[in-house]
Structures are given as C-alpha cells and as structure tokens.
Amino acid sequence: MSTELTPEEADALREQLAAYDAAQHEAAKAANRAVMEPLTSIGLGTGGSLTCSLEQAVAVIRANAPSMAAVDPGFPAYAFTVLPVVERLDHKLRALVTQNTPAPEPEAPAEPEA
C-alpha cells in the first residue's frame, strides 16, 4: 500500500479541506451572530440608530457582555469599563437638562367677574 498521493488525490483532499474550513468558518460566524443578536436587535453595531433608550441599551449591553467573550475576549472588560462612564454622562446630562428647563409661565390673574 502506497502512502504517496497522486496529484489528483492531493487536489481532491485540498478541496475537501477547503470546503470543510469554509463550512466551519461560516458556522462560527453564525454562532457569533446569534450571540450578538440581542445587541444588534436594538441597533448597536449596525450603523443605524438605537431603537431604545440609552438606559435600555446599557442594560442590554450589561446583560450580554459576558457572553460576548465568545466573540471577542476583550469585549466584557471594555463594556464594563465604558458603561459606568456612559451612565454617569447620561445622569449628568439629565441633571443639566432639568436645571435648565424653562420656568413655567406664571398664571394670568383671574379677571373679576362683572
């Protein structure tokens, strides 16, 4: 029994290996998309607008950051570093908006009835 492959056999094995690698790569990408779906479903990572409030987006990121380690091992650390800053910024802006809300118009005095 010969261990030498013919050029045709080697080409066939290369094609099979390439097809297997491509299928594995596509399966991994599909698994990654499934992990990212809670984030992309609210507009994150899509280039589009958020479909929820910033507060809700922070909650979704916080809930899904640990599972994102399967896609990018550094994602959870980055998310948990950035989220508190985003939350503080949002709270600060809310306070500034509240402080700078126009004063309500004074009510007109009631006219005496004749």
PDB file of N, CA and C in Angstrom:
ATOM      1  N   MET A   1       0.838  -1.161   0.000  1.00  0.00           N
ATOM      2  CA  MET A   1       0.000   0.000   0.000  1.00  0.00           C
ATOM      3  C   MET A   1       0.896   1.241   0.000  1.00  0.00           C
ATOM      4  N   SER A   2       0.629   2.120  -0.905  1.00  0.00           N
ATOM      5  CA  SER A   2       1.452   3.311  -1.080  1.00  0.00           C
ATOM      6  C   SER A   2       0.899   4.470  -0.242  1.00  0.00           C
ATOM      7  N   THR A   3       1.809   5.238   0.350  1.00  0.00           N
ATOM      8  CA  THR A   3       1.391   6.427   1.098  1.00  0.00           C
ATOM      9  C   THR A   3       1.503   7.678   0.236  1.00  0.00           C
ATOM     10  N   GLU A   4       1.997   7.491  -0.955  1.00  0.00           N
ATOM     11  CA  GLU A   4       2.120   8.605  -1.885  1.00  0.00           C
ATOM     12  C   GLU A   4       0.758   8.895  -2.503  1.00  0.00           C
ATOM     13  N   LEU A   5       0.405  10.170  -2.563  1.00  0.00           N
ATOM     14  CA  LEU A   5      -0.845  10.573  -3.204  1.00  0.00           C
ATOM     15  C   LEU A   5      -0.551  11.019  -4.623  1.00  0.00           C
ATOM     16  N   THR A   6      -1.479  10.736  -5.467  1.00  0.00           N
ATOM     17  CA  THR A   6      -1.354  11.259  -6.826  1.00  0.00           C
ATOM     18  C   THR A   6      -1.697  12.748  -6.768  1.00  0.00           C
ATOM     19  N   PRO A   7      -1.280  13.499  -7.759  1.00  0.00           N
ATOM     20  CA  PRO A   7      -1.645  14.926  -7.778  1.00  0.00           C
ATOM     21  C   PRO A   7      -3.164  15.135  -7.724  1.00  0.00           C
ATOM     22  N   GLU A   8      -3.901  14.257  -8.386  1.00  0.00           N
ATOM     23  CA  GLU A   8      -5.363  14.376  -8.380  1.00  0.00           C
ATOM     24  C   GLU A   8      -5.928  14.127  -6.982  1.00  0.00           C
ATOM     25  N   GLU A   9      -5.386  13.125  -6.279  1.00  0.00           N
ATOM     26  CA  GLU A   9      -5.840  12.823  -4.919  1.00  0.00           C
ATOM     27  C   GLU A   9      -5.504  13.979  -3.967  1.00  0.00           C
ATOM     28  N   ALA A  10      -4.305  14.539  -4.122  1.00  0.00           N
ATOM     29  CA  ALA A  10      -3.894  15.668  -3.281  1.00  0.00           C
ATOM     30  C   ALA A  10      -4.808  16.870  -3.524  1.00  0.00           C
ATOM     31  N   ASP A  11      -5.118  17.135  -4.801  1.00  0.00           N
ATOM     32  CA  ASP A  11      -6.029  18.241  -5.126  1.00  0.00           C
ATOM     33  C   ASP A  11      -7.416  18.004  -4.537  1.00  0.00           C
ATOM     34  N   ALA A  12      -7.899  16.776  -4.623  1.00  0.00           N
ATOM     35  CA  ALA A  12      -9.222  16.444  -4.077  1.00  0.00           C
ATOM     36  C   ALA A  12      -9.238  16.636  -2.561  1.00  0.00           C
ATOM     37  N   LEU A  13      -8.173  16.218  -1.882  1.00  0.00           N
ATOM     38  CA  LEU A  13      -8.095  16.403  -0.432  1.00  0.00           C
ATOM     39  C   LEU A  13      -8.019  17.885  -0.059  1.00  0.00           C
ATOM     40  N   ARG A  14      -7.260  18.654  -0.844  1.00  0.00           N
ATOM     41  CA  ARG A  14      -7.180  20.100  -0.596  1.00  0.00           C
ATOM     42  C   ARG A  14      -8.553  20.751  -0.748  1.00  0.00           C
ATOM     43  N   GLU A  15      -9.293  20.348  -1.770  1.00  0.00           N
ATOM     44  CA  GLU A  15     -10.635  20.899  -1.989  1.00  0.00           C
ATOM     45  C   GLU A  15     -11.571  20.520  -0.844  1.00  0.00           C
ATOM     46  N   GLN A  16     -11.482  19.271  -0.396  1.00  0.00           N
ATOM     47  CA  GLN A  16     -12.321  18.836   0.725  1.00  0.00           C
ATOM     48  C   GLN A  16     -11.979  19.621   1.991  1.00  0.00           C
ATOM     49  N   LEU A  17     -10.686  19.790   2.241  1.00  0.00           N
ATOM     50  CA  LEU A  17     -10.254  20.534   3.418  1.00  0.00           C
ATOM     51  C   LEU A  17     -10.696  21.997   3.329  1.00  0.00           C
ATOM     52  N   ALA A  18     -10.576  22.596   2.158  1.00  0.00           N
ATOM     53  CA  ALA A  18     -11.004  23.985   1.978  1.00  0.00           C
ATOM     54  C   ALA A  18     -12.513  24.115   2.197  1.00  0.00           C
ATOM     55  N   ALA A  19     -13.285  23.162   1.691  1.00  0.00           N
ATOM     56  CA  ALA A  19     -14.738  23.186   1.884  1.00  0.00           C
ATOM     57  C   ALA A  19     -15.086  23.020   3.361  1.00  0.00           C
ATOM     58  N   TYR A  20     -14.381  22.121   4.033  1.00  0.00           N
ATOM     59  CA  TYR A  20     -14.610  21.908   5.465  1.00  0.00           C
ATOM     60  C   TYR A  20     -14.271  23.181   6.250  1.00  0.00           C
ATOM     61  N   ASP A  21     -13.116  23.786   5.945  1.00  0.00           N
ATOM     62  CA  ASP A  21     -12.717  25.021   6.627  1.00  0.00           C
ATOM     63  C   ASP A  21     -13.741  26.132   6.403  1.00  0.00           C
ATOM     64  N   ALA A  22     -14.222  26.272   5.172  1.00  0.00           N
ATOM     65  CA  ALA A  22     -15.215  27.304   4.865  1.00  0.00           C
ATOM     66  C   ALA A  22     -16.508  27.054   5.632  1.00  0.00           C
ATOM     67  N   ALA A  23     -16.935  25.802   5.709  1.00  0.00           N
ATOM     68  CA  ALA A  23     -18.159  25.466   6.450  1.00  0.00           C
ATOM     69  C   ALA A  23     -17.982  25.754   7.940  1.00  0.00           C
ATOM     70  N   GLN A  24     -16.818  25.415   8.486  1.00  0.00           N
ATOM     71  CA  GLN A  24     -16.547  25.687   9.897  1.00  0.00           C
ATOM     72  C   GLN A  24     -16.541  27.197  10.173  1.00  0.00           C
ATOM     73  N   HIS A  25     -15.940  27.939   9.258  1.00  0.00           N
ATOM     74  CA  HIS A  25     -15.874  29.392   9.404  1.00  0.00           C
ATOM     75  C   HIS A  25     -17.280  29.993   9.382  1.00  0.00           C
ATOM     76  N   GLU A  26     -18.116  29.544   8.454  1.00  0.00           N
ATOM     77  CA  GLU A  26     -19.493  30.043   8.368  1.00  0.00           C
ATOM     78  C   GLU A  26     -20.294  29.657   9.604  1.00  0.00           C
ATOM     79  N   ALA A  27     -20.081  28.466  10.129  1.00  0.00           N
ATOM     80  CA  ALA A  27     -20.778  28.040  11.348  1.00  0.00           C
ATOM     81  C   ALA A  27     -20.359  28.910  12.533  1.00  0.00           C
ATOM     82  N   ALA A  28     -19.080  29.233  12.619  1.00  0.00           N
ATOM     83  CA  ALA A  28     -18.595  30.094  13.706  1.00  0.00           C
ATOM     84  C   ALA A  28     -19.182  31.495  13.582  1.00  0.00           C
ATOM     85  N   LYS A  29     -19.262  32.015  12.354  1.00  0.00           N
ATOM     86  CA  LYS A  29     -19.849  33.337  12.148  1.00  0.00           C
ATOM     87  C   LYS A  29     -21.326  33.336  12.521  1.00  0.00           C
ATOM     88  N   ALA A  30     -22.041  32.273  12.187  1.00  0.00           N
ATOM     89  CA  ALA A  30     -23.464  32.176  12.545  1.00  0.00           C
ATOM     90  C   ALA A  30     -23.631  32.140  14.063  1.00  0.00           C
ATOM     91  N   ALA A  31     -22.768  31.412  14.745  1.00  0.00           N
ATOM     92  CA  ALA A  31     -22.820  31.360  16.210  1.00  0.00           C
ATOM     93  C   ALA A  31     -22.528  32.736  16.803  1.00  0.00           C
ATOM     94  N   ASN A  32     -21.570  33.446  16.236  1.00  0.00           N
ATOM     95  CA  ASN A  32     -21.251  34.795  16.706  1.00  0.00           C
ATOM     96  C   ASN A  32     -22.431  35.742  16.491  1.00  0.00           C
ATOM     97  N   ARG A  33     -23.083  35.639  15.326  1.00  0.00           N
ATOM     98  CA  ARG A  33     -24.251  36.490  15.063  1.00  0.00           C
ATOM     99  C   ARG A  33     -25.353  36.223  16.076  1.00  0.00           C
ATOM    100  N   ALA A  34     -25.529  34.968  16.456  1.00  0.00           N
ATOM    101  CA  ALA A  34     -26.553  34.624  17.451  1.00  0.00           C
ATOM    102  C   ALA A  34     -26.221  35.251  18.806  1.00  0.00           C
ATOM    103  N   VAL A  35     -24.950  35.257  19.168  1.00  0.00           N
ATOM    104  CA  VAL A  35     -24.538  35.869  20.438  1.00  0.00           C
ATOM    105  C   VAL A  35     -24.742  37.383  20.388  1.00  0.00           C
ATOM    106  N   MET A  36     -24.477  37.992  19.238  1.00  0.00           N
ATOM    107  CA  MET A  36     -24.583  39.443  19.094  1.00  0.00           C
ATOM    108  C   MET A  36     -26.011  39.926  18.864  1.00  0.00           C
ATOM    109  N   GLU A  37     -26.938  39.025  18.562  1.00  0.00           N
ATOM    110  CA  GLU A  37     -28.303  39.409  18.184  1.00  0.00           C
ATOM    111  C   GLU A  37     -29.004  40.304  19.198  1.00  0.00           C
ATOM    112  N   PRO A  38     -28.902  40.054  20.502  1.00  0.00           N
ATOM    113  CA  PRO A  38     -29.567  40.973  21.435  1.00  0.00           C
ATOM    114  C   PRO A  38     -29.052  42.414  21.314  1.00  0.00           C
ATOM    115  N   LEU A  39     -27.802  42.568  20.943  1.00  0.00           N
ATOM    116  CA  LEU A  39     -27.223  43.901  20.787  1.00  0.00           C
ATOM    117  C   LEU A  39     -27.601  44.517  19.442  1.00  0.00           C
ATOM    118  N   THR A  40     -27.492  43.732  18.379  1.00  0.00           N
ATOM    119  CA  THR A  40     -27.817  44.271  17.058  1.00  0.00           C
ATOM    120  C   THR A  40     -29.312  44.514  16.900  1.00  0.00           C
ATOM    121  N   SER A  41     -30.135  43.780  17.638  1.00  0.00           N
ATOM    122  CA  SER A  41     -31.585  43.959  17.509  1.00  0.00           C
ATOM    123  C   SER A  41     -32.049  45.317  18.027  1.00  0.00           C
ATOM    124  N   ILE A  42     -31.233  45.977  18.844  1.00  0.00           N
ATOM    125  CA  ILE A  42     -31.586  47.320  19.309  1.00  0.00           C
ATOM    126  C   ILE A  42     -30.794  48.397  18.567  1.00  0.00           C
ATOM    127  N   GLY A  43     -30.083  48.001  17.524  1.00  0.00           N
ATOM    128  CA  GLY A  43     -29.377  48.960  16.688  1.00  0.00           C
ATOM    129  C   GLY A  43     -27.894  49.083  16.944  1.00  0.00           C
ATOM    130  N   LEU A  44     -27.380  48.469  17.999  1.00  0.00           N
ATOM    131  CA  LEU A  44     -25.944  48.552  18.271  1.00  0.00           C
ATOM    132  C   LEU A  44     -25.163  47.758  17.228  1.00  0.00           C
ATOM    133  N   GLY A  45     -24.072  48.319  16.774  1.00  0.00           N
ATOM    134  CA  GLY A  45     -23.208  47.618  15.835  1.00  0.00           C
ATOM    135  C   GLY A  45     -23.737  47.549  14.418  1.00  0.00           C
ATOM    136  N   THR A  46     -24.847  48.222  14.147  1.00  0.00           N
ATOM    137  CA  THR A  46     -25.447  48.144  12.813  1.00  0.00           C
ATOM    138  C   THR A  46     -25.194  49.387  11.979  1.00  0.00           C
ATOM    139  N   GLY A  47     -24.736  50.445  12.617  1.00  0.00           N
ATOM    140  CA  GLY A  47     -24.571  51.707  11.908  1.00  0.00           C
ATOM    141  C   GLY A  47     -25.860  52.506  11.873  1.00  0.00           C
ATOM    142  N   GLY A  48     -26.938  51.916  12.370  1.00  0.00           N
ATOM    143  CA  GLY A  48     -28.219  52.612  12.414  1.00  0.00           C
ATOM    144  C   GLY A  48     -28.444  53.251  13.771  1.00  0.00           C
ATOM    145  N   SER A  49     -29.631  53.777  13.928  1.00  0.00           N
ATOM    146  CA  SER A  49     -29.996  54.419  15.191  1.00  0.00           C
ATOM    147  C   SER A  49     -30.382  53.379  16.227  1.00  0.00           C
ATOM    148  N   LEU A  50     -30.224  53.741  17.488  1.00  0.00           N
ATOM    149  CA  LEU A  50     -30.709  52.884  18.562  1.00  0.00           C
ATOM    150  C   LEU A  50     -32.229  52.845  18.508  1.00  0.00           C
ATOM    151  N   THR A  51     -32.785  51.697  18.806  1.00  0.00           N
ATOM    152  CA  THR A  51     -34.238  51.548  18.793  1.00  0.00           C
ATOM    153  C   THR A  51     -34.804  51.553  20.204  1.00  0.00           C
ATOM    154  N   CYS A  52     -33.988  51.970  21.164  1.00  0.00           N
ATOM    155  CA  CYS A  52     -34.432  52.011  22.559  1.00  0.00           C
ATOM    156  C   CYS A  52     -33.719  53.164  23.245  1.00  0.00           C
ATOM    157  N   SER A  53     -34.055  53.365  24.493  1.00  0.00           N
ATOM    158  CA  SER A  53     -33.396  54.431  25.252  1.00  0.00           C
ATOM    159  C   SER A  53     -31.956  54.040  25.574  1.00  0.00           C
ATOM    160  N   LEU A  54     -31.173  55.031  25.927  1.00  0.00           N
ATOM    161  CA  LEU A  54     -29.790  54.766  26.326  1.00  0.00           C
ATOM    162  C   LEU A  54     -29.762  53.866  27.550  1.00  0.00           C
ATOM    163  N   GLU A  55     -30.674  54.113  28.478  1.00  0.00           N
ATOM    164  CA  GLU A  55     -30.753  53.294  29.694  1.00  0.00           C
ATOM    165  C   GLU A  55     -31.023  51.826  29.351  1.00  0.00           C
ATOM    166  N   GLN A  56     -31.927  51.589  28.404  1.00  0.00           N
ATOM    167  CA  GLN A  56     -32.223  50.216  27.989  1.00  0.00           C
ATOM    168  C   GLN A  56     -31.027  49.605  27.268  1.00  0.00           C
ATOM    169  N   ALA A  57     -30.346  50.396  26.439  1.00  0.00           N
ATOM    170  CA  ALA A  57     -29.169  49.895  25.727  1.00  0.00           C
ATOM    171  C   ALA A  57     -28.080  49.481  26.713  1.00  0.00           C
ATOM    172  N   VAL A  58     -27.859  50.282  27.736  1.00  0.00           N
ATOM    173  CA  VAL A  58     -26.865  49.947  28.758  1.00  0.00           C
ATOM    174  C   VAL A  58     -27.241  48.633  29.435  1.00  0.00           C
ATOM    175  N   ALA A  59     -28.526  48.464  29.740  1.00  0.00           N
ATOM    176  CA  ALA A  59     -28.975  47.220  30.384  1.00  0.00           C
ATOM    177  C   ALA A  59     -28.744  46.017  29.476  1.00  0.00           C
ATOM    178  N   VAL A  60     -29.007  46.169  28.178  1.00  0.00           N
ATOM    179  CA  VAL A  60     -28.797  45.064  27.232  1.00  0.00           C
ATOM    180  C   VAL A  60     -27.311  44.737  27.122  1.00  0.00           C
ATOM    181  N   ILE A  61     -26.483  45.757  27.034  1.00  0.00           N
ATOM    182  CA  ILE A  61     -25.035  45.526  26.954  1.00  0.00           C
ATOM    183  C   ILE A  61     -24.547  44.821  28.218  1.00  0.00           C
ATOM    184  N   ARG A  62     -24.986  45.329  29.362  1.00  0.00           N
ATOM    185  CA  ARG A  62     -24.556  44.737  30.637  1.00  0.00           C
ATOM    186  C   ARG A  62     -24.977  43.266  30.719  1.00  0.00           C
ATOM    187  N   ALA A  63     -26.189  42.956  30.281  1.00  0.00           N
ATOM    188  CA  ALA A  63     -26.692  41.580  30.356  1.00  0.00           C
ATOM    189  C   ALA A  63     -25.974  40.646  29.387  1.00  0.00           C
ATOM    190  N   ASN A  64     -25.526  41.180  28.249  1.00  0.00           N
ATOM    191  CA  ASN A  64     -24.950  40.323  27.210  1.00  0.00           C
ATOM    192  C   ASN A  64     -23.435  40.387  27.105  1.00  0.00           C
ATOM    193  N   ALA A  65     -22.795  41.281  27.818  1.00  0.00           N
ATOM    194  CA  ALA A  65     -21.336  41.409  27.733  1.00  0.00           C
ATOM    195  C   ALA A  65     -20.603  40.121  28.088  1.00  0.00           C
ATOM    196  N   PRO A  66     -21.008  39.398  29.144  1.00  0.00           N
ATOM    197  CA  PRO A  66     -20.262  38.167  29.454  1.00  0.00           C
ATOM    198  C   PRO A  66     -20.283  37.152  28.308  1.00  0.00           C
ATOM    199  N   SER A  67     -21.420  36.986  27.647  1.00  0.00           N
ATOM    200  CA  SER A  67     -21.486  36.007  26.553  1.00  0.00           C
ATOM    201  C   SER A  67     -20.715  36.481  25.331  1.00  0.00           C
ATOM    202  N   MET A  68     -20.484  37.798  25.219  1.00  0.00           N
ATOM    203  CA  MET A  68     -19.716  38.323  24.090  1.00  0.00           C
ATOM    204  C   MET A  68     -18.249  37.914  24.155  1.00  0.00           C
ATOM    205  N   ALA A  69     -17.792  37.392  25.281  1.00  0.00           N
ATOM    206  CA  ALA A  69     -16.406  36.917  25.385  1.00  0.00           C
ATOM    207  C   ALA A  69     -16.139  35.805  24.383  1.00  0.00           C
ATOM    208  N   ALA A  70     -17.182  35.074  23.984  1.00  0.00           N
ATOM    209  CA  ALA A  70     -17.013  34.020  22.983  1.00  0.00           C
ATOM    210  C   ALA A  70     -16.684  34.608  21.614  1.00  0.00           C
ATOM    211  N   VAL A  71     -17.128  35.831  21.368  1.00  0.00           N
ATOM    212  CA  VAL A  71     -16.875  36.501  20.088  1.00  0.00           C
ATOM    213  C   VAL A  71     -15.579  37.299  20.159  1.00  0.00           C
ATOM    214  N   ASP A  72     -15.409  38.027  21.265  1.00  0.00           N
ATOM    215  CA  ASP A  72     -14.220  38.854  21.473  1.00  0.00           C
ATOM    216  C   ASP A  72     -13.884  38.815  22.960  1.00  0.00           C
ATOM    217  N   PRO A  73     -12.803  38.148  23.332  1.00  0.00           N
ATOM    218  CA  PRO A  73     -12.474  38.005  24.752  1.00  0.00           C
ATOM    219  C   PRO A  73     -12.336  39.333  25.498  1.00  0.00           C
ATOM    220  N   GLY A  74     -12.005  40.398  24.813  1.00  0.00           N
ATOM    221  CA  GLY A  74     -11.839  41.692  25.467  1.00  0.00           C
ATOM    222  C   GLY A  74     -13.120  42.490  25.608  1.00  0.00           C
ATOM    223  N   PHE A  75     -14.199  42.034  24.968  1.00  0.00           N
ATOM    224  CA  PHE A  75     -15.439  42.813  24.977  1.00  0.00           C
ATOM    225  C   PHE A  75     -15.999  43.044  26.379  1.00  0.00           C
ATOM    226  N   PRO A  76     -16.122  42.021  27.223  1.00  0.00           N
ATOM    227  CA  PRO A  76     -16.703  42.265  28.550  1.00  0.00           C
ATOM    228  C   PRO A  76     -15.932  43.319  29.355  1.00  0.00           C
ATOM    229  N   ALA A  77     -14.624  43.227  29.374  1.00  0.00           N
ATOM    230  CA  ALA A  77     -13.829  44.204  30.130  1.00  0.00           C
ATOM    231  C   ALA A  77     -14.034  45.601  29.567  1.00  0.00           C
ATOM    232  N   TYR A  78     -14.055  45.716  28.254  1.00  0.00           N
ATOM    233  CA  TYR A  78     -14.272  47.020  27.629  1.00  0.00           C
ATOM    234  C   TYR A  78     -15.657  47.556  27.980  1.00  0.00           C
ATOM    235  N   ALA A  79     -16.674  46.705  27.845  1.00  0.00           N
ATOM    236  CA  ALA A  79     -18.047  47.131  28.132  1.00  0.00           C
ATOM    237  C   ALA A  79     -18.185  47.573  29.581  1.00  0.00           C
ATOM    238  N   PHE A  80     -17.656  46.777  30.499  1.00  0.00           N
ATOM    239  CA  PHE A  80     -17.818  47.112  31.911  1.00  0.00           C
ATOM    240  C   PHE A  80     -16.949  48.294  32.331  1.00  0.00           C
ATOM    241  N   THR A  81     -15.972  48.672  31.515  1.00  0.00           N
ATOM    242  CA  THR A  81     -15.191  49.879  31.762  1.00  0.00           C
ATOM    243  C   THR A  81     -15.926  51.104  31.231  1.00  0.00           C
ATOM    244  N   VAL A  82     -16.534  50.975  30.066  1.00  0.00           N
ATOM    245  CA  VAL A  82     -17.182  52.100  29.394  1.00  0.00           C
ATOM    246  C   VAL A  82     -18.584  52.384  29.939  1.00  0.00           C
ATOM    247  N   LEU A  83     -19.344  51.352  30.272  1.00  0.00           N
ATOM    248  CA  LEU A  83     -20.740  51.554  30.679  1.00  0.00           C
ATOM    249  C   LEU A  83     -20.912  52.502  31.860  1.00  0.00           C
ATOM    250  N   PRO A  84     -20.116  52.391  32.919  1.00  0.00           N
ATOM    251  CA  PRO A  84     -20.300  53.346  34.013  1.00  0.00           C
ATOM    252  C   PRO A  84     -20.102  54.801  33.569  1.00  0.00           C
ATOM    253  N   VAL A  85     -19.174  55.022  32.641  1.00  0.00           N
ATOM    254  CA  VAL A  85     -18.941  56.372  32.131  1.00  0.00           C
ATOM    255  C   VAL A  85     -20.164  56.847  31.355  1.00  0.00           C
ATOM    256  N   VAL A  86     -20.709  55.987  30.513  1.00  0.00           N
ATOM    257  CA  VAL A  86     -21.903  56.339  29.735  1.00  0.00           C
ATOM    258  C   VAL A  86     -23.072  56.644  30.673  1.00  0.00           C
ATOM    259  N   GLU A  87     -23.241  55.822  31.697  1.00  0.00           N
ATOM    260  CA  GLU A  87     -24.330  56.051  32.653  1.00  0.00           C
ATOM    261  C   GLU A  87     -24.148  57.372  33.395  1.00  0.00           C
ATOM    262  N   ARG A  88     -22.925  57.661  33.832  1.00  0.00           N
ATOM    263  CA  ARG A  88     -22.675  58.923  34.534  1.00  0.00           C
ATOM    264  C   ARG A  88     -22.923  60.111  33.612  1.00  0.00           C
ATOM    265  N   LEU A  89     -22.491  59.982  32.362  1.00  0.00           N
ATOM    266  CA  LEU A  89     -22.719  61.045  31.387  1.00  0.00           C
ATOM    267  C   LEU A  89     -24.214  61.279  31.194  1.00  0.00           C
ATOM    268  N   ASP A  90     -24.981  60.202  31.060  1.00  0.00           N
ATOM    269  CA  ASP A  90     -26.428  60.317  30.886  1.00  0.00           C
ATOM    270  C   ASP A  90     -27.068  60.978  32.103  1.00  0.00           C
ATOM    271  N   HIS A  91     -26.689  60.546  33.302  1.00  0.00           N
ATOM    272  CA  HIS A  91     -27.252  61.137  34.523  1.00  0.00           C
ATOM    273  C   HIS A  91     -26.872  62.619  34.643  1.00  0.00           C
ATOM    274  N   LYS A  92     -25.639  62.938  34.288  1.00  0.00           N
ATOM    275  CA  LYS A  92     -25.187  64.333  34.351  1.00  0.00           C
ATOM    276  C   LYS A  92     -25.987  65.187  33.376  1.00  0.00           C
ATOM    277  N   LEU A  93     -26.169  64.691  32.155  1.00  0.00           N
ATOM    278  CA  LEU A  93     -26.939  65.450  31.169  1.00  0.00           C
ATOM    279  C   LEU A  93     -28.391  65.613  31.601  1.00  0.00           C
ATOM    280  N   ARG A  94     -28.976  64.567  32.188  1.00  0.00           N
ATOM    281  CA  ARG A  94     -30.354  64.683  32.686  1.00  0.00           C
ATOM    282  C   ARG A  94     -30.449  65.777  33.742  1.00  0.00           C
ATOM    283  N   ALA A  95     -29.481  65.809  34.645  1.00  0.00           N
ATOM    284  CA  ALA A  95     -29.485  66.838  35.689  1.00  0.00           C
ATOM    285  C   ALA A  95     -29.353  68.228  35.075  1.00  0.00           C
ATOM    286  N   LEU A  96     -28.481  68.371  34.080  1.00  0.00           N
ATOM    287  CA  LEU A  96     -28.312  69.669  33.428  1.00  0.00           C
ATOM    288  C   LEU A  96     -29.575  70.090  32.688  1.00  0.00           C
ATOM    289  N   VAL A  97     -30.220  69.146  32.033  1.00  0.00           N
ATOM    290  CA  VAL A  97     -31.473  69.457  31.334  1.00  0.00           C
ATOM    291  C   VAL A  97     -32.521  69.915  32.340  1.00  0.00           C
ATOM    292  N   THR A  98     -32.612  69.197  33.451  1.00  0.00           N
ATOM    293  CA  THR A  98     -33.582  69.566  34.486  1.00  0.00           C
ATOM    294  C   THR A  98     -33.281  70.954  35.034  1.00  0.00           C
ATOM    295  N   GLN A  99     -32.011  71.246  35.294  1.00  0.00           N
ATOM    296  CA  GLN A  99     -31.627  72.554  35.832  1.00  0.00           C
ATOM    297  C   GLN A  99     -31.918  73.686  34.854  1.00  0.00           C
ATOM    298  N   ASN A 100     -31.890  73.380  33.569  1.00  0.00           N
ATOM    299  CA  ASN A 100     -32.040  74.421  32.555  1.00  0.00           C
ATOM    300  C   ASN A 100     -33.390  74.395  31.858  1.00  0.00           C
ATOM    301  N   THR A 101     -34.342  73.731  32.461  1.00  0.00           N
ATOM    302  CA  THR A 101     -35.696  73.731  31.921  1.00  0.00           C
ATOM    303  C   THR A 101     -36.296  75.112  32.164  1.00  0.00           C
ATOM    304  N   PRO A 102     -36.969  75.671  31.162  1.00  0.00           N
ATOM    305  CA  PRO A 102     -37.564  76.993  31.368  1.00  0.00           C
ATOM    306  C   PRO A 102     -38.562  76.971  32.523  1.00  0.00           C
ATOM    307  N   ALA A 103     -38.600  78.091  33.221  1.00  0.00           N
ATOM    308  CA  ALA A 103     -39.571  78.212  34.310  1.00  0.00           C
ATOM    309  C   ALA A 103     -40.967  78.242  33.702  1.00  0.00           C
ATOM    310  N   PRO A 104     -41.932  77.677  34.401  1.00  0.00           N
ATOM    311  CA  PRO A 104     -43.286  77.717  33.868  1.00  0.00           C
ATOM    312  C   PRO A 104     -43.795  79.157  33.826  1.00  0.00           C
ATOM    313  N   GLU A 105     -44.606  79.419  32.842  1.00  0.00           N
ATOM    314  CA  GLU A 105     -45.195  80.749  32.711  1.00  0.00           C
ATOM    315  C   GLU A 105     -46.099  81.005  33.910  1.00  0.00           C
ATOM    316  N   PRO A 106     -46.020  82.202  34.474  1.00  0.00           N
ATOM    317  CA  PRO A 106     -46.930  82.490  35.581  1.00  0.00           C
ATOM    318  C   PRO A 106     -48.365  82.535  35.068  1.00  0.00           C
ATOM    319  N   GLU A 107     -49.246  82.096  35.916  1.00  0.00           N
ATOM    320  CA  GLU A 107     -50.651  82.108  35.516  1.00  0.00           C
ATOM    321  C   GLU A 107     -51.141  83.544  35.519  1.00  0.00           C
ATOM    322  N   ALA A 108     -51.977  83.846  34.548  1.00  0.00           N
ATOM    323  CA  ALA A 108     -52.567  85.184  34.479  1.00  0.00           C
ATOM    324  C   ALA A 108     -53.547  85.342  35.635  1.00  0.00           C
ATOM    325  N   PRO A 109     -53.560  86.519  36.231  1.00  0.00           N
ATOM    326  CA  PRO A 109     -54.512  86.706  37.327  1.00  0.00           C
ATOM    327  C   PRO A 109     -55.941  86.572  36.815  1.00  0.00           C
ATOM    328  N   ALA A 110     -56.752  86.029  37.650  1.00  0.00           N
ATOM    329  CA  ALA A 110     -58.156  85.855  37.272  1.00  0.00           C
ATOM    330  C   ALA A 110     -58.812  87.221  37.183  1.00  0.00           C
ATOM    331  N   GLU A 111     -59.568  87.419  36.142  1.00  0.00           N
ATOM    332  CA  GLU A 111     -60.272  88.691  35.977  1.00  0.00           C
ATOM    333  C   GLU A 111     -61.541  88.669  36.820  1.00  0.00           C
ATOM    334  N   PRO A 112     -61.793  89.758  37.516  1.00  0.00           N
ATOM    335  CA  PRO A 112     -63.016  89.788  38.324  1.00  0.00           C
ATOM    336  C   PRO A 112     -64.247  89.730  37.435  1.00  0.00           C
ATOM    337  N   GLU A 113     -65.227  89.040  37.935  1.00  0.00           N
ATOM    338  CA  GLU A 113     -66.465  88.935  37.165  1.00  0.00           C
ATOM    339  C   GLU A 113     -67.249  90.218  37.327  1.00  0.00           C
ATOM    340  N   ALA A 114     -67.874  90.640  36.265  1.00  0.00           N
ATOM    341  CA  ALA A 114     -68.649  91.885  36.311  1.00  0.00           C
ATOM    342  C   ALA A 114     -70.050  91.685  36.804  1.00  0.00           C
TER     343      ALA A 114
END
